[in-house]
Every structure is written in structure tokens, then in C-alpha cells.
Amino acid sequence: MNKLLIICIDDEREILDSVVNDLKDFESHFDVEACQSAAEAEEVIQEANRVGQPLALVLCDHIMPETTGVDFLIQLTGQTETKATRKVLLTGQAGLEETVEAVNHASLDYFIAKPWQKDELNQVVKSQLTEYVIATEQDLIPWMAVLNTDDILKAISEKRMSFGE
């Protein structure tokens, strides 16, 4: 089982470090990368694509110097390599119109308002990663140790039923 990639993007280093620290529990099965800009995240994504490491989740701030988080997530949805990637906007700045735009373009899977609670963030991340793994991975059993066991067991059961086992 290869480690999947999680990218956290925020131009404020203190917030970025806090998000990454809150995701420590996932590091046994996921590589967590911190990026201070969309451009830096694009470089990480290109390198991951080059080595064949799937991008499972992006946690992205909205207000950044070069581009907005919503625009970046819409861009990811348009790329073959990152179409299945789960996308979470983690911000205190996105307006309703921008959030609706992201949802309508199927570019946003979840919205978390700043300031967040670690438990809430971890639950959302776990849920989003579970959905990604169920949709993209053949062998789900190794993921049960870190993701939503009940959802994975249900997916395994459904796959077996669809194959007539």
C-alpha cells in the first residue's frame, strides 16, 4: 500500500503549521505536505504525478496572494490527475457566492470555517479520505486502521455483492 498525498495550502505560516500539526494522526498512511501558495502546491502535485503518488485531499485557504482557493480547487477539478481528489476549503474569508460557485463547479467537497476545532477537522478529513479511498482503491482493508471502518466495511460488502460473491 502506497502512501497517498494530502496537501494543505495557506499563505499564513502559523495557520499552515497548525493545520499540519492537527493532521499528525494521518501520517502513518498519508504524506502531508504544507504549501504557502497555489504555485507551491502545483509544484508538489507535479512531483507527485511524476512519481505516481495520488493526491487524495487538498485543504485550502481561500484568500491567497496569487489566486483564490476557490479558483485553485476549480482548476484541480478540471485536471485528469486530480479530478477525484477531495477538496476542502478551510477559511474565514470566503463569501457565500464564492462558496456556492465552488460547490456548483463540483470543486468543493466540504467547507470548514476558521477558527476550526481539531476534532472537527480530523473528522472531516477522515470522512473525505474515506470517500476518496473507497472510490479509488482496490484493496480497502489496509485503510480500516486509519479511516472510517464502518464505511469501508459497507463498501467491501457492496463490492462483493456486485461481483456476486
Protein backbone atom coordinates (compact mmCIF):
# COMPACT_ATOMS: atom_id res chain seq x y z
CA MET A 1 0.00 0.00 0.00
CA ASN A 2 1.50 3.29 -1.10
CA LYS A 3 1.01 6.42 0.94
CA LEU A 4 -1.47 8.84 -0.56
CA LEU A 5 -0.88 12.60 -0.51
CA ILE A 6 -2.63 15.34 1.47
CA ILE A 7 -1.76 18.94 0.61
CA CYS A 8 -2.52 21.84 2.99
CA ILE A 9 -2.36 25.34 1.50
CA ASP A 10 -2.39 28.59 3.45
CA ASP A 11 -0.25 31.70 2.95
CA GLU A 12 -0.05 32.28 6.72
CA ARG A 13 2.70 30.01 8.07
CA GLU A 14 1.31 29.88 11.60
CA ILE A 15 -2.08 28.64 10.40
CA LEU A 16 -0.48 26.20 7.97
CA ASP A 17 1.68 24.72 10.73
CA SER A 18 -1.38 24.38 12.95
CA VAL A 19 -3.35 22.51 10.27
CA VAL A 20 -0.45 20.16 9.56
CA ASN A 21 0.01 19.54 13.29
CA ASP A 22 -3.69 18.72 13.64
CA LEU A 23 -3.33 16.07 10.91
CA LYS A 24 -0.49 14.14 12.62
CA ASP A 25 -2.76 11.12 13.18
CA PHE A 26 -2.95 10.54 9.41
CA GLU A 27 0.81 10.45 8.78
CA SER A 28 1.00 6.66 9.17
CA HIS A 29 -0.89 6.22 5.89
CA PHE A 30 -0.62 9.62 4.18
CA ASP A 31 2.12 12.08 3.27
CA VAL A 32 1.08 15.54 4.48
CA GLU A 33 2.63 18.44 2.57
CA ALA A 34 2.43 22.10 3.61
CA CYS A 35 2.36 24.77 0.89
CA GLN A 36 2.20 28.54 1.31
CA SER A 37 0.81 29.23 -2.16
CA ALA A 38 -1.12 27.65 -5.00
CA ALA A 39 2.05 27.78 -7.12
CA GLU A 40 3.96 25.79 -4.50
CA ALA A 41 1.08 23.31 -4.32
CA GLU A 42 1.14 22.93 -8.12
CA GLU A 43 4.85 22.01 -7.91
CA VAL A 44 4.12 19.38 -5.24
CA ILE A 45 1.27 18.00 -7.36
CA GLN A 46 3.50 17.80 -10.45
CA GLU A 47 6.15 15.90 -8.47
CA ALA A 48 3.50 13.56 -7.03
CA ASN A 49 2.18 12.90 -10.54
CA ARG A 50 5.72 12.24 -11.75
CA VAL A 51 6.30 9.55 -9.10
CA GLY A 52 2.77 8.16 -9.34
CA GLN A 53 1.56 9.28 -5.90
CA PRO A 54 -2.17 10.07 -5.94
CA LEU A 55 -3.39 13.29 -4.37
CA ALA A 56 -6.20 12.23 -2.03
CA LEU A 57 -7.08 15.54 -0.34
CA VAL A 58 -6.45 19.26 -0.59
CA LEU A 59 -7.19 21.55 2.37
CA CYS A 60 -7.03 25.06 1.00
CA ASP A 61 -7.41 28.58 2.34
CA HIS A 62 -9.46 30.95 0.19
CA ILE A 63 -7.66 34.32 0.31
CA MET A 64 -4.11 33.92 -1.04
CA PRO A 65 -1.83 36.34 -2.89
CA GLU A 66 -1.78 34.77 -6.38
CA THR A 67 -5.17 33.08 -6.69
CA THR A 68 -8.16 32.32 -4.55
CA GLY A 69 -8.65 28.91 -3.01
CA VAL A 70 -11.93 28.51 -4.88
CA ASP A 71 -10.23 29.19 -8.24
CA PHE A 72 -7.45 26.74 -7.38
CA LEU A 73 -9.92 23.99 -6.44
CA ILE A 74 -11.91 24.57 -9.65
CA GLN A 75 -8.66 24.25 -11.59
CA LEU A 76 -7.86 20.93 -9.86
CA THR A 77 -11.26 19.54 -10.76
CA GLY A 78 -10.53 20.23 -14.43
CA GLN A 79 -7.34 18.14 -14.42
CA THR A 80 -7.47 14.39 -15.04
CA GLU A 81 -4.89 13.57 -12.33
CA THR A 82 -6.74 15.49 -9.61
CA LYS A 83 -10.37 15.13 -10.64
CA ALA A 84 -11.04 12.51 -7.91
CA THR A 85 -9.11 14.47 -5.25
CA ARG A 86 -11.29 15.51 -2.31
CA LYS A 87 -11.28 19.28 -1.87
CA VAL A 88 -11.90 21.13 1.38
CA LEU A 89 -11.99 24.91 1.76
CA LEU A 90 -10.67 25.92 5.20
CA THR A 91 -11.18 29.64 5.55
CA GLY A 92 -12.77 32.50 7.38
CA GLN A 93 -12.85 34.70 4.29
CA ALA A 94 -14.85 33.02 1.52
CA GLY A 95 -18.19 34.63 0.85
CA LEU A 96 -21.37 32.74 0.16
CA GLU A 97 -21.24 33.49 -3.58
CA GLU A 98 -17.70 32.12 -3.93
CA THR A 99 -18.52 29.04 -1.90
CA VAL A 100 -21.64 28.37 -3.99
CA GLU A 101 -19.51 28.79 -7.14
CA ALA A 102 -17.08 26.15 -5.89
CA VAL A 103 -19.87 23.73 -4.97
CA ASN A 104 -21.63 24.26 -8.30
CA HIS A 105 -18.44 23.51 -10.22
CA ALA A 106 -18.03 20.25 -8.23
CA SER A 107 -14.78 21.67 -6.93
CA LEU A 108 -15.58 21.72 -3.25
CA ASP A 109 -16.43 18.69 -1.16
CA TYR A 110 -16.55 20.43 2.21
CA PHE A 111 -16.25 23.85 3.84
CA ILE A 112 -14.71 24.44 7.28
CA ALA A 113 -14.79 27.90 8.82
CA LYS A 114 -11.81 29.31 10.69
CA PRO A 115 -11.18 29.04 13.53
CA TRP A 116 -11.68 25.30 13.46
CA GLN A 117 -11.64 22.68 16.18
CA LYS A 118 -9.07 19.89 15.82
CA ASP A 119 -11.68 17.16 16.36
CA GLU A 120 -13.97 18.64 13.70
CA LEU A 121 -11.09 18.99 11.24
CA ASN A 122 -9.95 15.42 11.83
CA GLN A 123 -13.48 14.05 11.42
CA VAL A 124 -13.98 15.92 8.13
CA VAL A 125 -10.55 14.83 6.85
CA LYS A 126 -11.23 11.22 7.86
CA SER A 127 -14.60 11.27 6.12
CA GLN A 128 -13.22 12.84 2.93
CA LEU A 129 -10.27 10.44 2.81
CA THR A 130 -12.60 7.50 3.35
CA GLU A 131 -14.70 8.60 0.38
CA TYR A 132 -11.57 9.00 -1.75
CA VAL A 133 -10.17 5.59 -0.83
CA ILE A 134 -13.49 3.82 -1.42
CA ALA A 135 -13.75 5.43 -4.86
CA THR A 136 -10.16 4.84 -5.97
CA GLU A 137 -8.51 1.94 -4.14
CA GLN A 138 -8.95 -1.77 -4.90
CA ASP A 139 -7.82 -3.13 -1.52
CA LEU A 140 -9.71 -1.30 1.21
CA ILE A 141 -8.74 -3.45 4.19
CA PRO A 142 -5.42 -1.69 4.97
CA TRP A 143 -7.25 1.64 5.21
CA MET A 144 -9.52 0.46 8.02
CA ALA A 145 -6.84 1.22 10.60
CA VAL A 146 -6.96 4.96 9.97
CA LEU A 147 -10.25 5.73 8.20
CA ASN A 148 -13.98 5.13 8.83
CA THR A 149 -14.13 1.38 9.40
CA ASP A 150 -17.93 1.10 9.09
CA ASP A 151 -17.97 2.90 5.72
CA ILE A 152 -15.13 0.76 4.41
CA LEU A 153 -16.80 -2.47 5.55
CA LYS A 154 -20.01 -1.38 3.86
CA ALA A 155 -18.11 -0.62 0.63
CA ILE A 156 -16.36 -4.01 0.75
CA SER A 157 -19.73 -5.73 1.25
CA GLU A 158 -21.29 -3.78 -1.65
CA LYS A 159 -18.37 -4.64 -3.95
CA ARG A 160 -18.71 -8.34 -3.08
CA MET A 161 -22.46 -8.24 -3.72
CA SER A 162 -21.95 -6.56 -7.10
CA PHE A 163 -19.50 -9.33 -8.06
CA GLY A 164 -21.95 -11.99 -6.90
CA GLU A 165 -19.74 -13.32 -4.11
